[in-house]
Amino acid sequence: GRELNGVLRSHAATFTEITSLPIEVFQSGDEPRLPTATRALL
């Protein structure tokens, strides 16, 4: 049930830890309530 933005930020931090490639995550607007399947596909 986590929001897409939060999971992607955590995922990006793990990516940087594994690959040493820096990632910046930017968000504009408020994340609406999206279906779980939609968030999983994104």
Full PDB file with SEQRES, HELIX, SHEET, SSBOND, CRYST1, ORIGX, SCALE, CONECT and MASTER records, all heavy atoms in Angstrom:
SEQRES   1 A   42  GLY ARG GLU LEU ASN GLY VAL LEU ARG SER HIS ALA ALA          
SEQRES   2 A   42  THR PHE THR GLU ILE THR SER LEU PRO ILE GLU VAL PHE          
SEQRES   3 A   42  GLN SER GLY ASP GLU PRO ARG LEU PRO THR ALA THR ARG          
SEQRES   4 A   42  ALA LEU LEU                                                  
HELIX    1 AA1 LEU A    4  THR A   19  1                                  16    
HELIX    2 AA2 THR A   36  LEU A   41  1                                   6    
CRYST1    1.000    1.000    1.000  90.00  90.00  90.00 P 1           1          
ORIGX1      1.000000  0.000000  0.000000        0.00000                         
ORIGX2      0.000000  1.000000  0.000000        0.00000                         
ORIGX3      0.000000  0.000000  1.000000        0.00000                         
SCALE1      1.000000  0.000000  0.000000        0.00000                         
SCALE2      0.000000  1.000000  0.000000        0.00000                         
SCALE3      0.000000  0.000000  1.000000        0.00000                         
ATOM      1  N   GLY A   1       0.790  -1.229   0.000  1.00  0.00           N  
ATOM      2  CA  GLY A   1       0.000   0.000   0.000  1.00  0.00           C  
ATOM      3  C   GLY A   1       0.818   1.273   0.000  1.00  0.00           C  
ATOM      4  O   GLY A   1       0.260   2.360   0.164  1.00  0.00           O  
ATOM      5  N   ARG A   2       2.154   1.175  -0.186  1.00  0.00           N  
ATOM      6  CA  ARG A   2       2.985   2.383  -0.189  1.00  0.00           C  
ATOM      7  C   ARG A   2       2.738   3.207  -1.456  1.00  0.00           C  
ATOM      8  O   ARG A   2       2.383   2.680  -2.505  1.00  0.00           O  
ATOM      9  CB  ARG A   2       4.468   2.007  -0.122  1.00  0.00           C  
ATOM     10  CG  ARG A   2       4.831   1.079   1.028  1.00  0.00           C  
ATOM     11  CD  ARG A   2       4.931   1.796   2.326  1.00  0.00           C  
ATOM     12  NE  ARG A   2       5.395   0.899   3.380  1.00  0.00           N  
ATOM     13  CZ  ARG A   2       6.670   0.662   3.654  1.00  0.00           C  
ATOM     14  NH1 ARG A   2       7.619   1.263   2.943  1.00  0.00           N  
ATOM     15  NH2 ARG A   2       6.994  -0.161   4.636  1.00  0.00           N  
ATOM     16  N   GLU A   3       2.971   4.506  -1.371  1.00  0.00           N  
ATOM     17  CA  GLU A   3       2.827   5.383  -2.533  1.00  0.00           C  
ATOM     18  C   GLU A   3       3.976   5.155  -3.505  1.00  0.00           C  
ATOM     19  O   GLU A   3       5.093   4.777  -3.116  1.00  0.00           O  
ATOM     20  CB  GLU A   3       2.797   6.842  -2.102  1.00  0.00           C  
ATOM     21  CG  GLU A   3       1.525   7.254  -1.390  1.00  0.00           C  
ATOM     22  CD  GLU A   3       1.462   8.754  -1.164  1.00  0.00           C  
ATOM     23  OE1 GLU A   3       2.531   9.400  -1.235  1.00  0.00           O  
ATOM     24  OE2 GLU A   3       0.359   9.272  -0.922  1.00  0.00           O  
ATOM     25  N   LEU A   4       3.699   5.382  -4.789  1.00  0.00           N  
ATOM     26  CA  LEU A   4       4.695   5.163  -5.830  1.00  0.00           C  
ATOM     27  C   LEU A   4       5.928   6.025  -5.609  1.00  0.00           C  
ATOM     28  O   LEU A   4       7.063   5.545  -5.757  1.00  0.00           O  
ATOM     29  CB  LEU A   4       4.073   5.467  -7.198  1.00  0.00           C  
ATOM     30  CG  LEU A   4       5.002   5.353  -8.403  1.00  0.00           C  
ATOM     31  CD1 LEU A   4       5.487   3.926  -8.592  1.00  0.00           C  
ATOM     32  CD2 LEU A   4       4.292   5.851  -9.666  1.00  0.00           C  
ATOM     33  N   ASN A   5       5.737   7.291  -5.258  1.00  0.00           N  
ATOM     34  CA  ASN A   5       6.864   8.201  -5.074  1.00  0.00           C  
ATOM     35  C   ASN A   5       7.832   7.699  -4.010  1.00  0.00           C  
ATOM     36  O   ASN A   5       9.049   7.671  -4.219  1.00  0.00           O  
ATOM     37  CB  ASN A   5       6.346   9.592  -4.705  1.00  0.00           C  
ATOM     38  CG  ASN A   5       7.461  10.558  -4.375  1.00  0.00           C  
ATOM     39  OD1 ASN A   5       8.326  10.827  -5.192  1.00  0.00           O  
ATOM     40  ND2 ASN A   5       7.450  11.064  -3.154  1.00  0.00           N  
ATOM     41  N   GLY A   6       7.292   7.272  -2.861  1.00  0.00           N  
ATOM     42  CA  GLY A   6       8.156   6.797  -1.785  1.00  0.00           C  
ATOM     43  C   GLY A   6       8.905   5.529  -2.147  1.00  0.00           C  
ATOM     44  O   GLY A   6      10.101   5.378  -1.831  1.00  0.00           O  
ATOM     45  N   VAL A   7       8.232   4.598  -2.815  1.00  0.00           N  
ATOM     46  CA  VAL A   7       8.886   3.342  -3.196  1.00  0.00           C  
ATOM     47  C   VAL A   7       9.973   3.599  -4.237  1.00  0.00           C  
ATOM     48  O   VAL A   7      11.059   3.011  -4.182  1.00  0.00           O  
ATOM     49  CB  VAL A   7       7.843   2.341  -3.728  1.00  0.00           C  
ATOM     50  CG1 VAL A   7       8.509   1.065  -4.217  1.00  0.00           C  
ATOM     51  CG2 VAL A   7       6.825   2.007  -2.647  1.00  0.00           C  
ATOM     52  N   LEU A   8       9.717   4.504  -5.185  1.00  0.00           N  
ATOM     53  CA  LEU A   8      10.734   4.811  -6.191  1.00  0.00           C  
ATOM     54  C   LEU A   8      11.950   5.484  -5.577  1.00  0.00           C  
ATOM     55  O   LEU A   8      13.090   5.229  -5.999  1.00  0.00           O  
ATOM     56  CB  LEU A   8      10.139   5.706  -7.283  1.00  0.00           C  
ATOM     57  CG  LEU A   8       9.290   5.007  -8.357  1.00  0.00           C  
ATOM     58  CD1 LEU A   8       8.803   6.017  -9.385  1.00  0.00           C  
ATOM     59  CD2 LEU A   8      10.083   3.903  -9.039  1.00  0.00           C  
ATOM     60  N   ARG A   9      11.744   6.328  -4.585  1.00  0.00           N  
ATOM     61  CA  ARG A   9      12.892   6.963  -3.920  1.00  0.00           C  
ATOM     62  C   ARG A   9      13.746   5.925  -3.212  1.00  0.00           C  
ATOM     63  O   ARG A   9      14.986   5.962  -3.283  1.00  0.00           O  
ATOM     64  CB  ARG A   9      12.406   8.022  -2.930  1.00  0.00           C  
ATOM     65  CG  ARG A   9      11.831   9.265  -3.594  1.00  0.00           C  
ATOM     66  CD  ARG A   9      11.438  10.329  -2.586  1.00  0.00           C  
ATOM     67  NE  ARG A   9      10.830  11.472  -3.238  1.00  0.00           N  
ATOM     68  CZ  ARG A   9      11.508  12.476  -3.775  1.00  0.00           C  
ATOM     69  NH1 ARG A   9      12.840  12.480  -3.709  1.00  0.00           N  
ATOM     70  NH2 ARG A   9      10.883  13.490  -4.351  1.00  0.00           N  
ATOM     71  N   SER A  10      13.102   4.991  -2.527  1.00  0.00           N  
ATOM     72  CA  SER A  10      13.841   3.919  -1.863  1.00  0.00           C  
ATOM     73  C   SER A  10      14.552   3.032  -2.887  1.00  0.00           C  
ATOM     74  O   SER A  10      15.704   2.634  -2.701  1.00  0.00           O  
ATOM     75  CB  SER A  10      12.876   3.090  -1.014  1.00  0.00           C  
ATOM     76  OG  SER A  10      13.528   1.986  -0.441  1.00  0.00           O  
ATOM     77  N   HIS A  11      13.857   2.736  -3.987  1.00  0.00           N  
ATOM     78  CA  HIS A  11      14.430   1.906  -5.045  1.00  0.00           C  
ATOM     79  C   HIS A  11      15.638   2.599  -5.672  1.00  0.00           C  
ATOM     80  O   HIS A  11      16.655   1.956  -5.963  1.00  0.00           O  
ATOM     81  CB  HIS A  11      13.353   1.653  -6.097  1.00  0.00           C  
ATOM     82  CG  HIS A  11      13.630   0.491  -6.993  1.00  0.00           C  
ATOM     83  ND1 HIS A  11      13.839  -0.787  -6.526  1.00  0.00           N  
ATOM     84  CD2 HIS A  11      13.712   0.411  -8.358  1.00  0.00           C  
ATOM     85  CE1 HIS A  11      14.033  -1.614  -7.542  1.00  0.00           C  
ATOM     86  NE2 HIS A  11      13.976  -0.902  -8.668  1.00  0.00           N  
ATOM     87  N   ALA A  12      15.537   3.908  -5.886  1.00  0.00           N  
ATOM     88  CA  ALA A  12      16.639   4.665  -6.473  1.00  0.00           C  
ATOM     89  C   ALA A  12      17.853   4.687  -5.550  1.00  0.00           C  
ATOM     90  O   ALA A  12      19.001   4.594  -6.011  1.00  0.00           O  
ATOM     91  CB  ALA A  12      16.179   6.091  -6.780  1.00  0.00           C  
ATOM     92  N   ALA A  13      17.601   4.814  -4.240  1.00  0.00           N  
ATOM     93  CA  ALA A  13      18.718   4.800  -3.288  1.00  0.00           C  
ATOM     94  C   ALA A  13      19.442   3.450  -3.323  1.00  0.00           C  
ATOM     95  O   ALA A  13      20.683   3.396  -3.265  1.00  0.00           O  
ATOM     96  CB  ALA A  13      18.199   5.089  -1.884  1.00  0.00           C  
ATOM     97  N   THR A  14      18.691   2.363  -3.433  1.00  0.00           N  
ATOM     98  CA  THR A  14      19.305   1.039  -3.536  1.00  0.00           C  
ATOM     99  C   THR A  14      20.084   0.908  -4.841  1.00  0.00           C  
ATOM    100  O   THR A  14      21.175   0.319  -4.876  1.00  0.00           O  
ATOM    101  CB  THR A  14      18.226  -0.052  -3.465  1.00  0.00           C  
ATOM    102  OG1 THR A  14      17.480   0.098  -2.264  1.00  0.00           O  
ATOM    103  CG2 THR A  14      18.853  -1.438  -3.484  1.00  0.00           C  
ATOM    104  N   PHE A  15      19.544   1.461  -5.916  1.00  0.00           N  
ATOM    105  CA  PHE A  15      20.239   1.441  -7.211  1.00  0.00           C  
ATOM    106  C   PHE A  15      21.595   2.125  -7.110  1.00  0.00           C  
ATOM    107  O   PHE A  15      22.606   1.611  -7.610  1.00  0.00           O  
ATOM    108  CB  PHE A  15      19.364   2.126  -8.259  1.00  0.00           C  
ATOM    109  CG  PHE A  15      19.977   2.187  -9.629  1.00  0.00           C  
ATOM    110  CD1 PHE A  15      19.874   1.115 -10.502  1.00  0.00           C  
ATOM    111  CD2 PHE A  15      20.638   3.331 -10.060  1.00  0.00           C  
ATOM    112  CE1 PHE A  15      20.435   1.174 -11.773  1.00  0.00           C  
ATOM    113  CE2 PHE A  15      21.197   3.397 -11.318  1.00  0.00           C  
ATOM    114  CZ  PHE A  15      21.098   2.319 -12.184  1.00  0.00           C  
ATOM    115  N   THR A  16      21.614   3.284  -6.479  1.00  0.00           N  
ATOM    116  CA  THR A  16      22.881   4.008  -6.315  1.00  0.00           C  
ATOM    117  C   THR A  16      23.854   3.214  -5.456  1.00  0.00           C  
ATOM    118  O   THR A  16      25.064   3.162  -5.738  1.00  0.00           O  
ATOM    119  CB  THR A  16      22.620   5.382  -5.688  1.00  0.00           C  
ATOM    120  OG1 THR A  16      21.769   6.149  -6.546  1.00  0.00           O  
ATOM    121  CG2 THR A  16      23.920   6.132  -5.452  1.00  0.00           C  
ATOM    122  N   GLU A  17      23.347   2.566  -4.416  1.00  0.00           N  
ATOM    123  CA  GLU A  17      24.207   1.771  -3.537  1.00  0.00           C  
ATOM    124  C   GLU A  17      24.835   0.603  -4.289  1.00  0.00           C  
ATOM    125  O   GLU A  17      26.009   0.273  -4.067  1.00  0.00           O  
ATOM    126  CB  GLU A  17      23.379   1.245  -2.365  1.00  0.00           C  
ATOM    127  CG  GLU A  17      24.170   0.416  -1.367  1.00  0.00           C  
ATOM    128  CD  GLU A  17      23.309  -0.108  -0.235  1.00  0.00           C  
ATOM    129  OE1 GLU A  17      22.149   0.360  -0.110  1.00  0.00           O  
ATOM    130  OE2 GLU A  17      23.772  -0.986   0.501  1.00  0.00           O  
ATOM    131  N   ILE A  18      24.095  -0.019  -5.201  1.00  0.00           N  
ATOM    132  CA  ILE A  18      24.595  -1.184  -5.926  1.00  0.00           C  
ATOM    133  C   ILE A  18      25.486  -0.777  -7.089  1.00  0.00           C  
ATOM    134  O   ILE A  18      26.550  -1.371  -7.308  1.00  0.00           O  
ATOM    135  CB  ILE A  18      23.414  -2.043  -6.435  1.00  0.00           C  
ATOM    136  CG1 ILE A  18      22.663  -2.660  -5.252  1.00  0.00           C  
ATOM    137  CG2 ILE A  18      23.902  -3.149  -7.373  1.00  0.00           C  
ATOM    138  CD1 ILE A  18      21.411  -3.403  -5.649  1.00  0.00           C  
ATOM    139  N   THR A  19      25.079   0.245  -7.844  1.00  0.00           N  
ATOM    140  CA  THR A  19      25.764   0.586  -9.092  1.00  0.00           C  
ATOM    141  C   THR A  19      26.693   1.778  -8.989  1.00  0.00           C  
ATOM    142  O   THR A  19      27.477   2.023  -9.913  1.00  0.00           O  
ATOM    143  CB  THR A  19      24.718   0.894 -10.176  1.00  0.00           C  
ATOM    144  OG1 THR A  19      24.008   2.089  -9.812  1.00  0.00           O  
ATOM    145  CG2 THR A  19      23.729  -0.263 -10.315  1.00  0.00           C  
ATOM    146  N   SER A  20      26.590   2.556  -7.901  1.00  0.00           N  
ATOM    147  CA  SER A  20      27.354   3.793  -7.714  1.00  0.00           C  
ATOM    148  C   SER A  20      26.926   4.905  -8.670  1.00  0.00           C  
ATOM    149  O   SER A  20      27.597   5.933  -8.767  1.00  0.00           O  
ATOM    150  CB  SER A  20      28.865   3.545  -7.872  1.00  0.00           C  
ATOM    151  OG  SER A  20      29.306   2.599  -6.917  1.00  0.00           O  
ATOM    152  N   LEU A  21      25.801   4.714  -9.381  1.00  0.00           N  
ATOM    153  CA  LEU A  21      25.277   5.763 -10.255  1.00  0.00           C  
ATOM    154  C   LEU A  21      24.308   6.638  -9.457  1.00  0.00           C  
ATOM    155  O   LEU A  21      23.337   6.134  -8.900  1.00  0.00           O  
ATOM    156  CB  LEU A  21      24.536   5.160 -11.444  1.00  0.00           C  
ATOM    157  CG  LEU A  21      25.379   4.594 -12.585  1.00  0.00           C  
ATOM    158  CD1 LEU A  21      24.487   3.931 -13.626  1.00  0.00           C  
ATOM    159  CD2 LEU A  21      26.198   5.693 -13.241  1.00  0.00           C  
ATOM    160  N   PRO A  22      24.538   7.949  -9.395  1.00  0.00           N  
ATOM    161  CA  PRO A  22      23.632   8.820  -8.635  1.00  0.00           C  
ATOM    162  C   PRO A  22      22.294   9.003  -9.353  1.00  0.00           C  
ATOM    163  O   PRO A  22      22.233   9.089 -10.580  1.00  0.00           O  
ATOM    164  CB  PRO A  22      24.405  10.137  -8.544  1.00  0.00           C  
ATOM    165  CG  PRO A  22      25.308  10.124  -9.733  1.00  0.00           C  
ATOM    166  CD  PRO A  22      25.674   8.694  -9.972  1.00  0.00           C  
ATOM    167  N   ILE A  23      21.213   9.052  -8.573  1.00  0.00           N  
ATOM    168  CA  ILE A  23      19.867   9.269  -9.114  1.00  0.00           C  
ATOM    169  C   ILE A  23      19.209  10.389  -8.323  1.00  0.00           C  
ATOM    170  O   ILE A  23      19.293  10.428  -7.087  1.00  0.00           O  
ATOM    171  CB  ILE A  23      18.993   8.007  -9.021  1.00  0.00           C  
ATOM    172  CG1 ILE A  23      19.563   6.874  -9.872  1.00  0.00           C  
ATOM    173  CG2 ILE A  23      17.574   8.305  -9.500  1.00  0.00           C  
ATOM    174  CD1 ILE A  23      18.688   5.637  -9.875  1.00  0.00           C  
ATOM    175  N   GLU A  24      18.538  11.278  -9.034  1.00  0.00           N  
ATOM    176  CA  GLU A  24      17.704  12.287  -8.406  1.00  0.00           C  
ATOM    177  C   GLU A  24      16.244  12.002  -8.755  1.00  0.00           C  
ATOM    178  O   GLU A  24      15.926  11.710  -9.913  1.00  0.00           O  
ATOM    179  CB  GLU A  24      18.087  13.686  -8.882  1.00  0.00           C  
ATOM    180  CG  GLU A  24      19.423  14.177  -8.360  1.00  0.00           C  
ATOM    181  CD  GLU A  24      19.683  15.620  -8.735  1.00  0.00           C  
ATOM    182  OE1 GLU A  24      19.924  15.868  -9.938  1.00  0.00           O  
ATOM    183  OE2 GLU A  24      19.611  16.499  -7.840  1.00  0.00           O  
ATOM    184  N   VAL A  25      15.380  12.095  -7.755  1.00  0.00           N  
ATOM    185  CA  VAL A  25      13.947  11.863  -7.953  1.00  0.00           C  
ATOM    186  C   VAL A  25      13.214  13.164  -7.670  1.00  0.00           C  
ATOM    187  O   VAL A  25      13.337  13.730  -6.576  1.00  0.00           O  
ATOM    188  CB  VAL A  25      13.422  10.740  -7.040  1.00  0.00           C  
ATOM    189  CG1 VAL A  25      11.934  10.512  -7.280  1.00  0.00           C  
ATOM    190  CG2 VAL A  25      14.199   9.448  -7.282  1.00  0.00           C  
ATOM    191  N   PHE A  26      12.456  13.635  -8.643  1.00  0.00           N  
ATOM    192  CA  PHE A  26      11.697  14.871  -8.508  1.00  0.00           C  
ATOM    193  C   PHE A  26      10.203  14.564  -8.594  1.00  0.00           C  
ATOM    194  O   PHE A  26       9.777  13.701  -9.357  1.00  0.00           O  
ATOM    195  CB  PHE A  26      12.069  15.872  -9.608  1.00  0.00           C  
ATOM    196  CG  PHE A  26      13.508  16.302  -9.578  1.00  0.00           C  
ATOM    197  CD1 PHE A  26      14.433  15.720 -10.433  1.00  0.00           C  
ATOM    198  CD2 PHE A  26      13.943  17.272  -8.689  1.00  0.00           C  
ATOM    199  CE1 PHE A  26      15.765  16.102 -10.407  1.00  0.00           C  
ATOM    200  CE2 PHE A  26      15.271  17.666  -8.653  1.00  0.00           C  
ATOM    201  CZ  PHE A  26      16.187  17.076  -9.511  1.00  0.00           C  
ATOM    202  N   GLN A  27       9.420  15.294  -7.811  1.00  0.00           N  
ATOM    203  CA  GLN A  27       7.968  15.136  -7.828  1.00  0.00           C  
ATOM    204  C   GLN A  27       7.320  16.500  -7.917  1.00  0.00           C  
ATOM    205  O   GLN A  27       7.710  17.441  -7.225  1.00  0.00           O  
ATOM    206  CB  GLN A  27       7.468  14.418  -6.570  1.00  0.00           C  
ATOM    207  CG  GLN A  27       5.941  14.344  -6.483  1.00  0.00           C  
ATOM    208  CD  GLN A  27       5.458  13.722  -5.181  1.00  0.00           C  
ATOM    209  OE1 GLN A  27       6.250  13.176  -4.420  1.00  0.00           O  
ATOM    210  NE2 GLN A  27       4.167  13.801  -4.917  1.00  0.00           N  
ATOM    211  N   SER A  28       6.287  16.602  -8.765  1.00  0.00           N  
ATOM    212  CA  SER A  28       5.458  17.811  -8.823  1.00  0.00           C  
ATOM    213  C   SER A  28       4.009  17.388  -8.691  1.00  0.00           C  
ATOM    214  O   SER A  28       3.564  16.420  -9.305  1.00  0.00           O  
ATOM    215  CB  SER A  28       5.682  18.552 -10.142  1.00  0.00           C  
ATOM    216  OG  SER A  28       5.244  17.775 -11.240  1.00  0.00           O  
ATOM    217  N   GLY A  29       3.265  18.110  -7.875  1.00  0.00           N  
ATOM    218  CA  GLY A  29       1.876  17.764  -7.618  1.00  0.00           C  
ATOM    219  C   GLY A  29       1.759  16.703  -6.539  1.00  0.00           C  
ATOM    220  O   GLY A  29       2.752  16.101  -6.113  1.00  0.00           O  
ATOM    221  N   ASP A  30       0.554  16.487  -6.078  1.00  0.00           N  
ATOM    222  CA  ASP A  30       0.279  15.493  -5.043  1.00  0.00           C  
ATOM    223  C   ASP A  30      -0.140  14.182  -5.687  1.00  0.00           C  
ATOM    224  O   ASP A  30      -0.980  14.161  -6.596  1.00  0.00           O  
ATOM    225  CB  ASP A  30      -0.840  15.973  -4.102  1.00  0.00           C  
ATOM    226  CG  ASP A  30      -0.441  17.223  -3.337  1.00  0.00           C  
ATOM    227  OD1 ASP A  30       0.759  17.350  -3.021  1.00  0.00           O  
ATOM    228  OD2 ASP A  30      -1.315  18.071  -3.068  1.00  0.00           O  
ATOM    229  N   GLU A  31       0.449  13.108  -5.201  1.00  0.00           N  
ATOM    230  CA  GLU A  31       0.118  11.789  -5.752  1.00  0.00           C  
ATOM    231  C   GLU A  31      -1.300  11.392  -5.352  1.00  0.00           C  
ATOM    232  O   GLU A  31      -1.626  11.350  -4.172  1.00  0.00           O  
ATOM    233  CB  GLU A  31       1.117  10.743  -5.266  1.00  0.00           C  
ATOM    234  CG  GLU A  31       0.829   9.348  -5.812  1.00  0.00           C  
ATOM    235  CD  GLU A  31       1.925   8.354  -5.457  1.00  0.00           C  
ATOM    236  OE1 GLU A  31       3.028   8.779  -5.064  1.00  0.00           O  
ATOM    237  OE2 GLU A  31       1.661   7.132  -5.570  1.00  0.00           O  
ATOM    238  N   PRO A  32      -2.166  11.091  -6.329  1.00  0.00           N  
ATOM    239  CA  PRO A  32      -3.540  10.680  -6.004  1.00  0.00           C  
ATOM    240  C   PRO A  32      -3.581   9.207  -5.608  1.00  0.00           C  
ATOM    241  O   PRO A  32      -2.564   8.501  -5.654  1.00  0.00           O  
ATOM    242  CB  PRO A  32      -4.289  10.914  -7.317  1.00  0.00           C  
ATOM    243  CG  PRO A  32      -3.252  10.646  -8.352  1.00  0.00           C  
ATOM    244  CD  PRO A  32      -1.950  11.154  -7.775  1.00  0.00           C  
ATOM    245  N   ARG A  33      -4.754   8.769  -5.207  1.00  0.00           N  
ATOM    246  CA  ARG A  33      -4.939   7.350  -4.901  1.00  0.00           C  
ATOM    247  C   ARG A  33      -5.017   6.578  -6.207  1.00  0.00           C  
ATOM    248  O   ARG A  33      -5.983   6.674  -6.953  1.00  0.00           O  
ATOM    249  CB  ARG A  33      -6.218   7.144  -4.092  1.00  0.00           C  
ATOM    250  CG  ARG A  33      -6.162   7.717  -2.694  1.00  0.00           C  
ATOM    251  CD  ARG A  33      -7.458   7.454  -1.964  1.00  0.00           C  
ATOM    252  NE  ARG A  33      -7.767   6.028  -1.901  1.00  0.00           N  
ATOM    253  CZ  ARG A  33      -8.901   5.527  -1.436  1.00  0.00           C  
ATOM    254  NH1 ARG A  33      -9.853   6.343  -1.023  1.00  0.00           N  
ATOM    255  NH2 ARG A  33      -9.095   4.231  -1.401  1.00  0.00           N  
ATOM    256  N   LEU A  34      -3.972   5.811  -6.497  1.00  0.00           N  
ATOM    257  CA  LEU A  34      -3.900   5.033  -7.718  1.00  0.00           C  
ATOM    258  C   LEU A  34      -4.132   3.558  -7.402  1.00  0.00           C  
ATOM    259  O   LEU A  34      -3.781   3.084  -6.319  1.00  0.00           O  
ATOM    260  CB  LEU A  34      -2.528   5.195  -8.377  1.00  0.00           C  
ATOM    261  CG  LEU A  34      -2.171   6.596  -8.875  1.00  0.00           C  
ATOM    262  CD1 LEU A  34      -0.710   6.647  -9.285  1.00  0.00           C  
ATOM    263  CD2 LEU A  34      -3.054   6.991 -10.041  1.00  0.00           C  
ATOM    264  N   PRO A  35      -4.716   2.815  -8.346  1.00  0.00           N  
ATOM    265  CA  PRO A  35      -4.862   1.379  -8.138  1.00  0.00           C  
ATOM    266  C   PRO A  35      -3.511   0.717  -7.909  1.00  0.00           C  
ATOM    267  O   PRO A  35      -2.488   1.143  -8.453  1.00  0.00           O  
ATOM    268  CB  PRO A  35      -5.507   0.896  -9.443  1.00  0.00           C  
ATOM    269  CG  PRO A  35      -6.184   2.092 -10.008  1.00  0.00           C  
ATOM    270  CD  PRO A  35      -5.339   3.263  -9.598  1.00  0.00           C  
ATOM    271  N   THR A  36      -3.498  -0.318  -7.099  1.00  0.00           N  
ATOM    272  CA  THR A  36      -2.254  -1.034  -6.805  1.00  0.00           C  
ATOM    273  C   THR A  36      -1.600  -1.536  -8.085  1.00  0.00           C  
ATOM    274  O   THR A  36      -0.381  -1.441  -8.256  1.00  0.00           O  
ATOM    275  CB  THR A  36      -2.533  -2.212  -5.859  1.00  0.00           C  
ATOM    276  OG1 THR A  36      -3.094  -1.719  -4.641  1.00  0.00           O  
ATOM    277  CG2 THR A  36      -1.253  -2.970  -5.542  1.00  0.00           C  
ATOM    278  N   ALA A  37      -2.408  -2.089  -8.988  1.00  0.00           N  
ATOM    279  CA  ALA A  37      -1.859  -2.623 -10.233  1.00  0.00           C  
ATOM    280  C   ALA A  37      -1.206  -1.524 -11.064  1.00  0.00           C  
ATOM    281  O   ALA A  37      -0.165  -1.738 -11.693  1.00  0.00           O  
ATOM    282  CB  ALA A  37      -2.957  -3.311 -11.035  1.00  0.00           C  
ATOM    283  N   THR A  38      -1.780  -0.330 -11.072  1.00  0.00           N  
ATOM    284  CA  THR A  38      -1.191   0.783 -11.818  1.00  0.00           C  
ATOM    285  C   THR A  38       0.161   1.165 -11.235  1.00  0.00           C  
ATOM    286  O   THR A  38       1.144   1.350 -11.964  1.00  0.00           O  
ATOM    287  CB  THR A  38      -2.125   2.008 -11.788  1.00  0.00           C  
ATOM    288  OG1 THR A  38      -3.376   1.648 -12.372  1.00  0.00           O  
ATOM    289  CG2 THR A  38      -1.528   3.173 -12.555  1.00  0.00           C  
ATOM    290  N   ARG A  39       0.230   1.278  -9.911  1.00  0.00           N  
ATOM    291  CA  ARG A  39       1.507   1.613  -9.267  1.00  0.00           C  
ATOM    292  C   ARG A  39       2.555   0.528  -9.523  1.00  0.00           C  
ATOM    293  O   ARG A  39       3.733   0.827  -9.741  1.00  0.00           O  
ATOM    294  CB  ARG A  39       1.290   1.812  -7.771  1.00  0.00           C  
ATOM    295  CG  ARG A  39       0.587   3.122  -7.446  1.00  0.00           C  
ATOM    296  CD  ARG A  39       0.408   3.330  -5.959  1.00  0.00           C  
ATOM    297  NE  ARG A  39      -0.704   2.538  -5.443  1.00  0.00           N  
ATOM    298  CZ  ARG A  39      -0.600   1.600  -4.525  1.00  0.00           C  
ATOM    299  NH1 ARG A  39       0.585   1.327  -3.999  1.00  0.00           N  
ATOM    300  NH2 ARG A  39      -1.662   0.941  -4.116  1.00  0.00           N  
ATOM    301  N   ALA A  40       2.134  -0.739  -9.496  1.00  0.00           N  
ATOM    302  CA  ALA A  40       3.068  -1.836  -9.735  1.00  0.00           C  
ATOM    303  C   ALA A  40       3.612  -1.800 -11.167  1.00  0.00           C  
ATOM    304  O   ALA A  40       4.809  -2.028 -11.394  1.00  0.00           O  
ATOM    305  CB  ALA A  40       2.387  -3.170  -9.451  1.00  0.00           C  
ATOM    306  N   LEU A  41       2.755  -1.517 -12.135  1.00  0.00           N  
ATOM    307  CA  LEU A  41       3.200  -1.453 -13.528  1.00  0.00           C  
ATOM    308  C   LEU A  41       4.143  -0.275 -13.759  1.00  0.00           C  
ATOM    309  O   LEU A  41       5.158  -0.405 -14.463  1.00  0.00           O  
ATOM    310  CB  LEU A  41       1.985  -1.349 -14.452  1.00  0.00           C  
ATOM    311  CG  LEU A  41       1.106  -2.605 -14.532  1.00  0.00           C  
ATOM    312  CD1 LEU A  41      -0.191  -2.306 -15.274  1.00  0.00           C  
ATOM    313  CD2 LEU A  41       1.852  -3.746 -15.217  1.00  0.00           C  
ATOM    314  N   LEU A  42       3.830   0.875 -13.174  1.00  0.00           N  
ATOM    315  CA  LEU A  42       4.729   2.026 -13.299  1.00  0.00           C  
ATOM    316  C   LEU A  42       6.073   1.746 -12.642  1.00  0.00           C  
ATOM    317  O   LEU A  42       7.131   2.131 -13.164  1.00  0.00           O  
ATOM    318  CB  LEU A  42       4.072   3.257 -12.673  1.00  0.00           C  
ATOM    319  CG  LEU A  42       2.871   3.833 -13.431  1.00  0.00           C  
ATOM    320  CD1 LEU A  42       2.143   4.869 -12.579  1.00  0.00           C  
ATOM    321  CD2 LEU A  42       3.305   4.447 -14.746  1.00  0.00           C  
TER     322      LEU A  42                                                      
MASTER        0    0    0    2    0    0    0    6  321    1    0    4          
END                                                                             
